Structures are given as structure tokens and as C-alpha cells.
Amino acid sequence: MIIKNVNLETVCGITSKLPENKLPEIAFAGKSNVGKSSLINGLLNRKSLARTSSQPGKTQTINFYNINEALYFVDLPGYGYAKVSKDVQEKWGVMIENYLQTSKQLKAVFLLIDIRHEPSSNDKNMYEWVVYNGYNPIIIATKLDKIKRSQIQKQLKLIRQGLNVKPGTIILPFSAQTKQGRDEIWSTIESLISDSDDAS
């Protein structure tokens, strides 16, 4: 997809009402610091559209990016280490669950996992939670440039087994540094959107 314009259209906090969008939505979930903002910036060819930070927990809202008036990227708050109280984390959980259950346009949830490590208990919980809410997460294995090429298959197997993914689950390695994997992610997104066009 050629990115002509991107607009951060809606920012939803804990008490905000979710927008009733008419365009297809693709959501991105992942623990704090897994590279979610870097992925979104990389996919959209922007340097700092989604704010990246070495401090975990930067995204504390659900952010809706309108792309080319054709679809939305939905950036969900990171889970895990964010230095926020349990109370706030629970509210984020309710907010994300509300979104997963009520969005009429959500086509897929991309779950980001750091390729260097075995999935954490938070990762496993998030995977199971997304499945429980009726979606088959597509896994993006981030930080691909941080491992040797010879390790890739071994690490992908660790992710597959660690999350106990359903058969047929798509796992796409990605590097924000080299943009490796960008085209594969876009072609997956485009096929999801065209499937929804065909169905409507």
C-alpha cells in the first residue's frame, strides 16, 4: 500500500466512548517495549507518528490512525511492565476488552512478541485472551535484527510452542531497523481488508 496520508484521528482514554468507524480496523497489541510504536511507524513510513520511548508504558490510550481514508490502525495500550498501578492496568484491560467485543470493524489483532525471548506469562495470557474474545491473533516477532539469521527458525518455534498457537497461525518476523518483514505484514493486512470487502 502506498501511504498517502495518515491521521491520528481518535484517542480513547479509560472513560472515552469508542468511535463507530466505518472503515476496517487492524489492532496491534503487545507488552510494553516490544516495539509496537516502531512497527506502526515502520509500516507507515513515518519516523515519529506513534511515539516511541525507551520508557515502557508510553501508550496509555487506544489510538486510531486513519490511513488513506481506507483503514484504521488501532494501537492498544502495552501490557506488562508499565509503571502504572494495578488499578489502572485493570481499567486498561476493561477498555481493551470492551474494544475487542464491541468494534464492528475489527478485522484482526496483531500480537507482537519479542523474537529473542520465549513468550512471557503476560504474552500467553494476552494470546489466550484475544482468542477468547473471538479472534485468531497474527503474531509479529519483533526485533528480528537482534538475532542471527541462523537462529530465526528456532526462535519462531519457541514462540509457536510457548503460546501454544492454533494450527495455521501466521507468524511474521519483523525488524524496525531494517524493515525486513514490512511487505509481508502489509500483504497480510491487504488480504484481510479485501476479504472483508468481499464479505460485505
C-alpha atoms as a PDB file:
ATOM      1  CA  MET A   1       0.000   0.000   0.000  1.00  0.00           C
ATOM      2  CA  ILE A   2       1.271   3.478  -0.851  1.00  0.00           C
ATOM      3  CA  ILE A   3       0.775   5.669   2.203  1.00  0.00           C
ATOM      4  CA  LYS A   4      -0.650   9.000   1.067  1.00  0.00           C
ATOM      5  CA  ASN A   5      -1.960  10.336   4.343  1.00  0.00           C
ATOM      6  CA  VAL A   6      -2.087   9.257   7.961  1.00  0.00           C
ATOM      7  CA  ASN A   7      -4.065  10.988  10.643  1.00  0.00           C
ATOM      8  CA  LEU A   8      -4.236  10.222  14.359  1.00  0.00           C
ATOM      9  CA  GLU A   9      -7.995  10.617  14.350  1.00  0.00           C
ATOM     10  CA  THR A  10      -9.239   9.393  17.724  1.00  0.00           C
ATOM     11  CA  VAL A  11      -7.588   8.913  21.102  1.00  0.00           C
ATOM     12  CA  CYS A  12      -9.646   6.995  23.653  1.00  0.00           C
ATOM     13  CA  GLY A  13      -8.810   7.058  27.334  1.00  0.00           C
ATOM     14  CA  ILE A  14     -10.303   4.920  30.064  1.00  0.00           C
ATOM     15  CA  THR A  15     -13.581   6.848  30.143  1.00  0.00           C
ATOM     16  CA  SER A  16     -13.885   7.707  26.425  1.00  0.00           C
ATOM     17  CA  LYS A  17     -16.599   6.356  24.191  1.00  0.00           C
ATOM     18  CA  LEU A  18     -15.158   4.247  21.370  1.00  0.00           C
ATOM     19  CA  PRO A  19     -15.682   5.597  17.852  1.00  0.00           C
ATOM     20  CA  GLU A  20     -18.088   3.848  15.498  1.00  0.00           C
ATOM     21  CA  ASN A  21     -15.823   3.713  12.492  1.00  0.00           C
ATOM     22  CA  LYS A  22     -16.984   2.696   9.049  1.00  0.00           C
ATOM     23  CA  LEU A  23     -13.556   1.560   7.784  1.00  0.00           C
ATOM     24  CA  PRO A  24     -11.836  -1.742   8.591  1.00  0.00           C
ATOM     25  CA  GLU A  25      -9.665  -1.775  11.721  1.00  0.00           C
ATOM     26  CA  ILE A  26      -6.423  -3.650  12.384  1.00  0.00           C
ATOM     27  CA  ALA A  27      -5.391  -3.700  16.057  1.00  0.00           C
ATOM     28  CA  PHE A  28      -1.872  -4.022  17.463  1.00  0.00           C
ATOM     29  CA  ALA A  29      -1.271  -5.469  20.916  1.00  0.00           C
ATOM     30  CA  GLY A  30       1.927  -6.279  22.740  1.00  0.00           C
ATOM     31  CA  LYS A  31       3.694  -5.824  26.012  1.00  0.00           C
ATOM     32  CA  SER A  32       5.390  -2.563  26.834  1.00  0.00           C
ATOM     33  CA  ASN A  33       8.631  -2.011  24.915  1.00  0.00           C
ATOM     34  CA  VAL A  34       8.099  -4.838  22.432  1.00  0.00           C
ATOM     35  CA  GLY A  35       8.365  -2.331  19.576  1.00  0.00           C
ATOM     36  CA  LYS A  36       4.723  -1.561  18.820  1.00  0.00           C
ATOM     37  CA  SER A  37       5.217   2.120  18.069  1.00  0.00           C
ATOM     38  CA  SER A  38       8.306   1.317  15.982  1.00  0.00           C
ATOM     39  CA  LEU A  39       6.293  -1.238  13.993  1.00  0.00           C
ATOM     40  CA  ILE A  40       3.471   1.220  13.308  1.00  0.00           C
ATOM     41  CA  ASN A  41       5.946   3.928  12.291  1.00  0.00           C
ATOM     42  CA  GLY A  42       7.784   1.413  10.085  1.00  0.00           C
ATOM     43  CA  LEU A  43       4.619   0.235   8.344  1.00  0.00           C
ATOM     44  CA  LEU A  44       3.533   3.815   7.702  1.00  0.00           C
ATOM     45  CA  ASN A  45       6.978   5.126   6.662  1.00  0.00           C
ATOM     46  CA  ARG A  46       6.845   7.718   9.405  1.00  0.00           C
ATOM     47  CA  LYS A  47       9.615   8.460  11.860  1.00  0.00           C
ATOM     48  CA  SER A  48       7.615   9.507  14.882  1.00  0.00           C
ATOM     49  CA  LEU A  49       3.922   9.193  14.223  1.00  0.00           C
ATOM     50  CA  ALA A  50       3.456   6.720  17.060  1.00  0.00           C
ATOM     51  CA  ARG A  51       5.594   7.934  19.946  1.00  0.00           C
ATOM     52  CA  THR A  52       8.405   5.519  20.689  1.00  0.00           C
ATOM     53  CA  SER A  53      10.005   5.522  24.076  1.00  0.00           C
ATOM     54  CA  SER A  54      12.593   3.552  25.969  1.00  0.00           C
ATOM     55  CA  GLN A  55      10.283   4.006  28.937  1.00  0.00           C
ATOM     56  CA  PRO A  56       7.686   1.235  28.925  1.00  0.00           C
ATOM     57  CA  GLY A  57       4.010   2.070  29.021  1.00  0.00           C
ATOM     58  CA  LYS A  58       4.051   5.115  26.751  1.00  0.00           C
ATOM     59  CA  THR A  59       0.778   4.224  25.042  1.00  0.00           C
ATOM     60  CA  GLN A  60      -1.929   4.615  27.665  1.00  0.00           C
ATOM     61  CA  THR A  61      -4.837   5.170  25.330  1.00  0.00           C
ATOM     62  CA  ILE A  62      -6.374   3.390  22.362  1.00  0.00           C
ATOM     63  CA  ASN A  63      -5.164   5.362  19.343  1.00  0.00           C
ATOM     64  CA  PHE A  64      -6.958   5.190  15.997  1.00  0.00           C
ATOM     65  CA  TYR A  65      -4.821   6.087  12.961  1.00  0.00           C
ATOM     66  CA  ASN A  66      -6.761   6.733   9.770  1.00  0.00           C
ATOM     67  CA  ILE A  67      -4.681   5.585   6.794  1.00  0.00           C
ATOM     68  CA  ASN A  68      -5.549   6.864   3.311  1.00  0.00           C
ATOM     69  CA  GLU A  69      -9.224   7.045   4.355  1.00  0.00           C
ATOM     70  CA  ALA A  70      -9.096   3.273   3.714  1.00  0.00           C
ATOM     71  CA  LEU A  71      -8.469   1.623   7.076  1.00  0.00           C
ATOM     72  CA  TYR A  72      -7.530   2.211  10.694  1.00  0.00           C
ATOM     73  CA  PHE A  73      -4.528   1.036  12.662  1.00  0.00           C
ATOM     74  CA  VAL A  74      -5.577   0.722  16.284  1.00  0.00           C
ATOM     75  CA  ASP A  75      -2.733   0.960  18.789  1.00  0.00           C
ATOM     76  CA  LEU A  76      -3.697  -0.702  22.080  1.00  0.00           C
ATOM     77  CA  PRO A  77      -2.002   0.093  25.424  1.00  0.00           C
ATOM     78  CA  GLY A  78       1.013  -2.092  26.157  1.00  0.00           C
ATOM     79  CA  TYR A  79       0.684  -4.659  28.907  1.00  0.00           C
ATOM     80  CA  GLY A  80       3.297  -5.904  31.312  1.00  0.00           C
ATOM     81  CA  TYR A  81       5.941  -3.733  32.882  1.00  0.00           C
ATOM     82  CA  ALA A  82       4.283  -0.350  32.527  1.00  0.00           C
ATOM     83  CA  LYS A  83       4.890   1.570  35.724  1.00  0.00           C
ATOM     84  CA  VAL A  84       1.238   2.089  36.478  1.00  0.00           C
ATOM     85  CA  SER A  85      -0.887   0.861  39.340  1.00  0.00           C
ATOM     86  CA  LYS A  86      -2.730  -2.451  39.179  1.00  0.00           C
ATOM     87  CA  ASP A  87      -5.943  -0.449  39.279  1.00  0.00           C
ATOM     88  CA  VAL A  88      -5.058   1.451  36.091  1.00  0.00           C
ATOM     89  CA  GLN A  89      -3.875  -1.744  34.392  1.00  0.00           C
ATOM     90  CA  GLU A  90      -7.209  -3.366  35.174  1.00  0.00           C
ATOM     91  CA  LYS A  91      -9.031  -0.388  33.699  1.00  0.00           C
ATOM     92  CA  TRP A  92      -6.903  -0.686  30.558  1.00  0.00           C
ATOM     93  CA  GLY A  93      -7.873  -4.361  30.443  1.00  0.00           C
ATOM     94  CA  VAL A  94     -11.557  -3.466  30.609  1.00  0.00           C
ATOM     95  CA  MET A  95     -11.025  -0.785  27.949  1.00  0.00           C
ATOM     96  CA  ILE A  96      -9.261  -3.198  25.561  1.00  0.00           C
ATOM     97  CA  GLU A  97     -11.801  -5.950  26.172  1.00  0.00           C
ATOM     98  CA  ASN A  98     -14.633  -3.518  25.538  1.00  0.00           C
ATOM     99  CA  TYR A  99     -12.987  -2.581  22.247  1.00  0.00           C
ATOM    100  CA  LEU A 100     -12.425  -6.224  21.185  1.00  0.00           C
ATOM    101  CA  GLN A 101     -16.021  -7.098  21.984  1.00  0.00           C
ATOM    102  CA  THR A 102     -17.806  -4.079  20.547  1.00  0.00           C
ATOM    103  CA  SER A 103     -15.861  -2.992  17.457  1.00  0.00           C
ATOM    104  CA  LYS A 104     -17.851  -3.872  14.357  1.00  0.00           C
ATOM    105  CA  GLN A 105     -14.911  -3.182  12.050  1.00  0.00           C
ATOM    106  CA  LEU A 106     -12.037  -5.040  13.730  1.00  0.00           C
ATOM    107  CA  LYS A 107     -10.625  -7.470  11.158  1.00  0.00           C
ATOM    108  CA  ALA A 108      -7.586  -8.823  13.005  1.00  0.00           C
ATOM    109  CA  VAL A 109      -5.410  -8.458  16.067  1.00  0.00           C
ATOM    110  CA  PHE A 110      -1.658  -8.481  15.542  1.00  0.00           C
ATOM    111  CA  LEU A 111       0.122  -9.621  18.694  1.00  0.00           C
ATOM    112  CA  LEU A 112       3.765  -8.551  18.972  1.00  0.00           C
ATOM    113  CA  ILE A 113       6.255 -10.870  20.646  1.00  0.00           C
ATOM    114  CA  ASP A 114       9.993 -10.205  21.084  1.00  0.00           C
ATOM    115  CA  ILE A 115      11.708 -12.836  18.903  1.00  0.00           C
ATOM    116  CA  ARG A 116      14.708 -13.015  21.275  1.00  0.00           C
ATOM    117  CA  HIS A 117      12.786 -14.471  24.201  1.00  0.00           C
ATOM    118  CA  GLU A 118      10.362 -17.209  24.991  1.00  0.00           C
ATOM    119  CA  PRO A 119       6.846 -15.738  25.382  1.00  0.00           C
ATOM    120  CA  SER A 120       6.232 -14.464  28.922  1.00  0.00           C
ATOM    121  CA  SER A 121       3.205 -15.355  31.019  1.00  0.00           C
ATOM    122  CA  ASN A 122       1.806 -11.930  30.057  1.00  0.00           C
ATOM    123  CA  ASP A 123       2.234 -12.803  26.380  1.00  0.00           C
ATOM    124  CA  LYS A 124       0.485 -16.136  26.878  1.00  0.00           C
ATOM    125  CA  ASN A 125      -2.368 -14.520  28.781  1.00  0.00           C
ATOM    126  CA  MET A 126      -2.816 -11.892  26.082  1.00  0.00           C
ATOM    127  CA  TYR A 127      -2.813 -14.517  23.335  1.00  0.00           C
ATOM    128  CA  GLU A 128      -5.422 -16.600  25.141  1.00  0.00           C
ATOM    129  CA  TRP A 129      -7.478 -13.520  25.950  1.00  0.00           C
ATOM    130  CA  VAL A 130      -7.586 -12.388  22.301  1.00  0.00           C
ATOM    131  CA  VAL A 131      -8.601 -15.929  21.255  1.00  0.00           C
ATOM    132  CA  TYR A 132     -11.246 -15.961  23.998  1.00  0.00           C
ATOM    133  CA  ASN A 133     -12.654 -12.734  22.537  1.00  0.00           C
ATOM    134  CA  GLY A 134     -13.131 -14.419  19.187  1.00  0.00           C
ATOM    135  CA  TYR A 135     -10.005 -13.514  17.204  1.00  0.00           C
ATOM    136  CA  ASN A 136      -7.083 -15.574  15.928  1.00  0.00           C
ATOM    137  CA  PRO A 137      -4.086 -13.349  16.618  1.00  0.00           C
ATOM    138  CA  ILE A 138      -1.497 -12.913  13.894  1.00  0.00           C
ATOM    139  CA  ILE A 139       1.908 -12.963  15.600  1.00  0.00           C
ATOM    140  CA  ILE A 140       4.588 -10.421  14.720  1.00  0.00           C
ATOM    141  CA  ALA A 141       8.001 -11.476  16.035  1.00  0.00           C
ATOM    142  CA  THR A 142       9.759  -8.140  16.584  1.00  0.00           C
ATOM    143  CA  LYS A 143      13.439  -7.168  16.919  1.00  0.00           C
ATOM    144  CA  LEU A 144      14.481  -9.546  14.158  1.00  0.00           C
ATOM    145  CA  ASP A 145      17.744  -7.653  13.611  1.00  0.00           C
ATOM    146  CA  LYS A 146      18.845  -8.544  17.157  1.00  0.00           C
ATOM    147  CA  ILE A 147      19.354 -12.245  16.397  1.00  0.00           C
ATOM    148  CA  LYS A 148      21.449 -14.162  13.877  1.00  0.00           C
ATOM    149  CA  ARG A 149      19.740 -15.428  10.765  1.00  0.00           C
ATOM    150  CA  SER A 150      20.581 -18.991  11.794  1.00  0.00           C
ATOM    151  CA  GLN A 151      18.530 -18.547  14.989  1.00  0.00           C
ATOM    152  CA  ILE A 152      15.313 -17.352  13.372  1.00  0.00           C
ATOM    153  CA  GLN A 153      13.567 -20.699  12.892  1.00  0.00           C
ATOM    154  CA  LYS A 154      14.498 -21.868  16.388  1.00  0.00           C
ATOM    155  CA  GLN A 155      13.103 -18.670  17.946  1.00  0.00           C
ATOM    156  CA  LEU A 156       9.907 -18.830  15.871  1.00  0.00           C
ATOM    157  CA  LYS A 157       9.415 -22.401  17.083  1.00  0.00           C
ATOM    158  CA  LEU A 158       9.849 -21.187  20.683  1.00  0.00           C
ATOM    159  CA  ILE A 159       7.116 -18.617  20.120  1.00  0.00           C
ATOM    160  CA  ARG A 160       4.834 -21.135  18.445  1.00  0.00           C
ATOM    161  CA  GLN A 161       5.243 -23.631  21.284  1.00  0.00           C
ATOM    162  CA  GLY A 162       5.335 -21.056  24.069  1.00  0.00           C
ATOM    163  CA  LEU A 163       1.996 -19.562  23.043  1.00  0.00           C
ATOM    164  CA  ASN A 164       0.611 -22.955  22.033  1.00  0.00           C
ATOM    165  CA  VAL A 165      -0.750 -21.271  18.913  1.00  0.00           C
ATOM    166  CA  LYS A 166      -3.600 -22.706  16.909  1.00  0.00           C
ATOM    167  CA  PRO A 167      -2.605 -24.625  13.760  1.00  0.00           C
ATOM    168  CA  GLY A 168      -2.302 -22.298  10.774  1.00  0.00           C
ATOM    169  CA  THR A 169      -1.440 -19.229  12.888  1.00  0.00           C
ATOM    170  CA  ILE A 170       0.579 -16.713  10.881  1.00  0.00           C
ATOM    171  CA  ILE A 171       3.894 -15.644  12.465  1.00  0.00           C
ATOM    172  CA  LEU A 172       5.736 -12.812  10.715  1.00  0.00           C
ATOM    173  CA  PRO A 173       9.279 -11.810  11.765  1.00  0.00           C
ATOM    174  CA  PHE A 174       9.883  -8.043  11.634  1.00  0.00           C
ATOM    175  CA  SER A 175      12.754  -5.622  12.164  1.00  0.00           C
ATOM    176  CA  ALA A 176      12.036  -1.932  12.721  1.00  0.00           C
ATOM    177  CA  GLN A 177      15.710  -1.252  11.908  1.00  0.00           C
ATOM    178  CA  THR A 178      15.930  -2.951   8.521  1.00  0.00           C
ATOM    179  CA  LYS A 179      12.174  -3.007   7.721  1.00  0.00           C
ATOM    180  CA  GLN A 180      12.521  -6.727   6.988  1.00  0.00           C
ATOM    181  CA  GLY A 181       9.047  -8.251   7.134  1.00  0.00           C
ATOM    182  CA  ARG A 182       7.257  -4.993   6.299  1.00  0.00           C
ATOM    183  CA  ASP A 183       5.990  -6.174   2.886  1.00  0.00           C
ATOM    184  CA  GLU A 184       4.756  -9.484   4.309  1.00  0.00           C
ATOM    185  CA  ILE A 185       2.824  -7.681   7.048  1.00  0.00           C
ATOM    186  CA  TRP A 186       1.265  -5.294   4.529  1.00  0.00           C
ATOM    187  CA  SER A 187       0.237  -8.096   2.190  1.00  0.00           C
ATOM    188  CA  THR A 188      -1.409  -9.870   5.158  1.00  0.00           C
ATOM    189  CA  ILE A 189      -3.257  -6.660   6.094  1.00  0.00           C
ATOM    190  CA  GLU A 190      -4.351  -6.072   2.496  1.00  0.00           C
ATOM    191  CA  SER A 191      -5.716  -9.592   2.172  1.00  0.00           C
ATOM    192  CA  LEU A 192      -7.647  -9.168   5.452  1.00  0.00           C
ATOM    193  CA  ILE A 193      -9.196  -5.947   4.191  1.00  0.00           C
ATOM    194  CA  SER A 194     -10.068  -7.327   0.768  1.00  0.00           C
ATOM    195  CA  ASP A 195     -11.671 -10.372   2.415  1.00  0.00           C
ATOM    196  CA  SER A 196     -13.870  -8.013   4.396  1.00  0.00           C
ATOM    197  CA  ASP A 197     -14.784  -6.094   1.223  1.00  0.00           C
ATOM    198  CA  ASP A 198     -15.791  -9.360  -0.421  1.00  0.00           C
ATOM    199  CA  ALA A 199     -17.895 -10.328   2.571  1.00  0.00           C
ATOM    200  CA  SER A 200     -19.753  -7.048   2.789  1.00  0.00           C
END
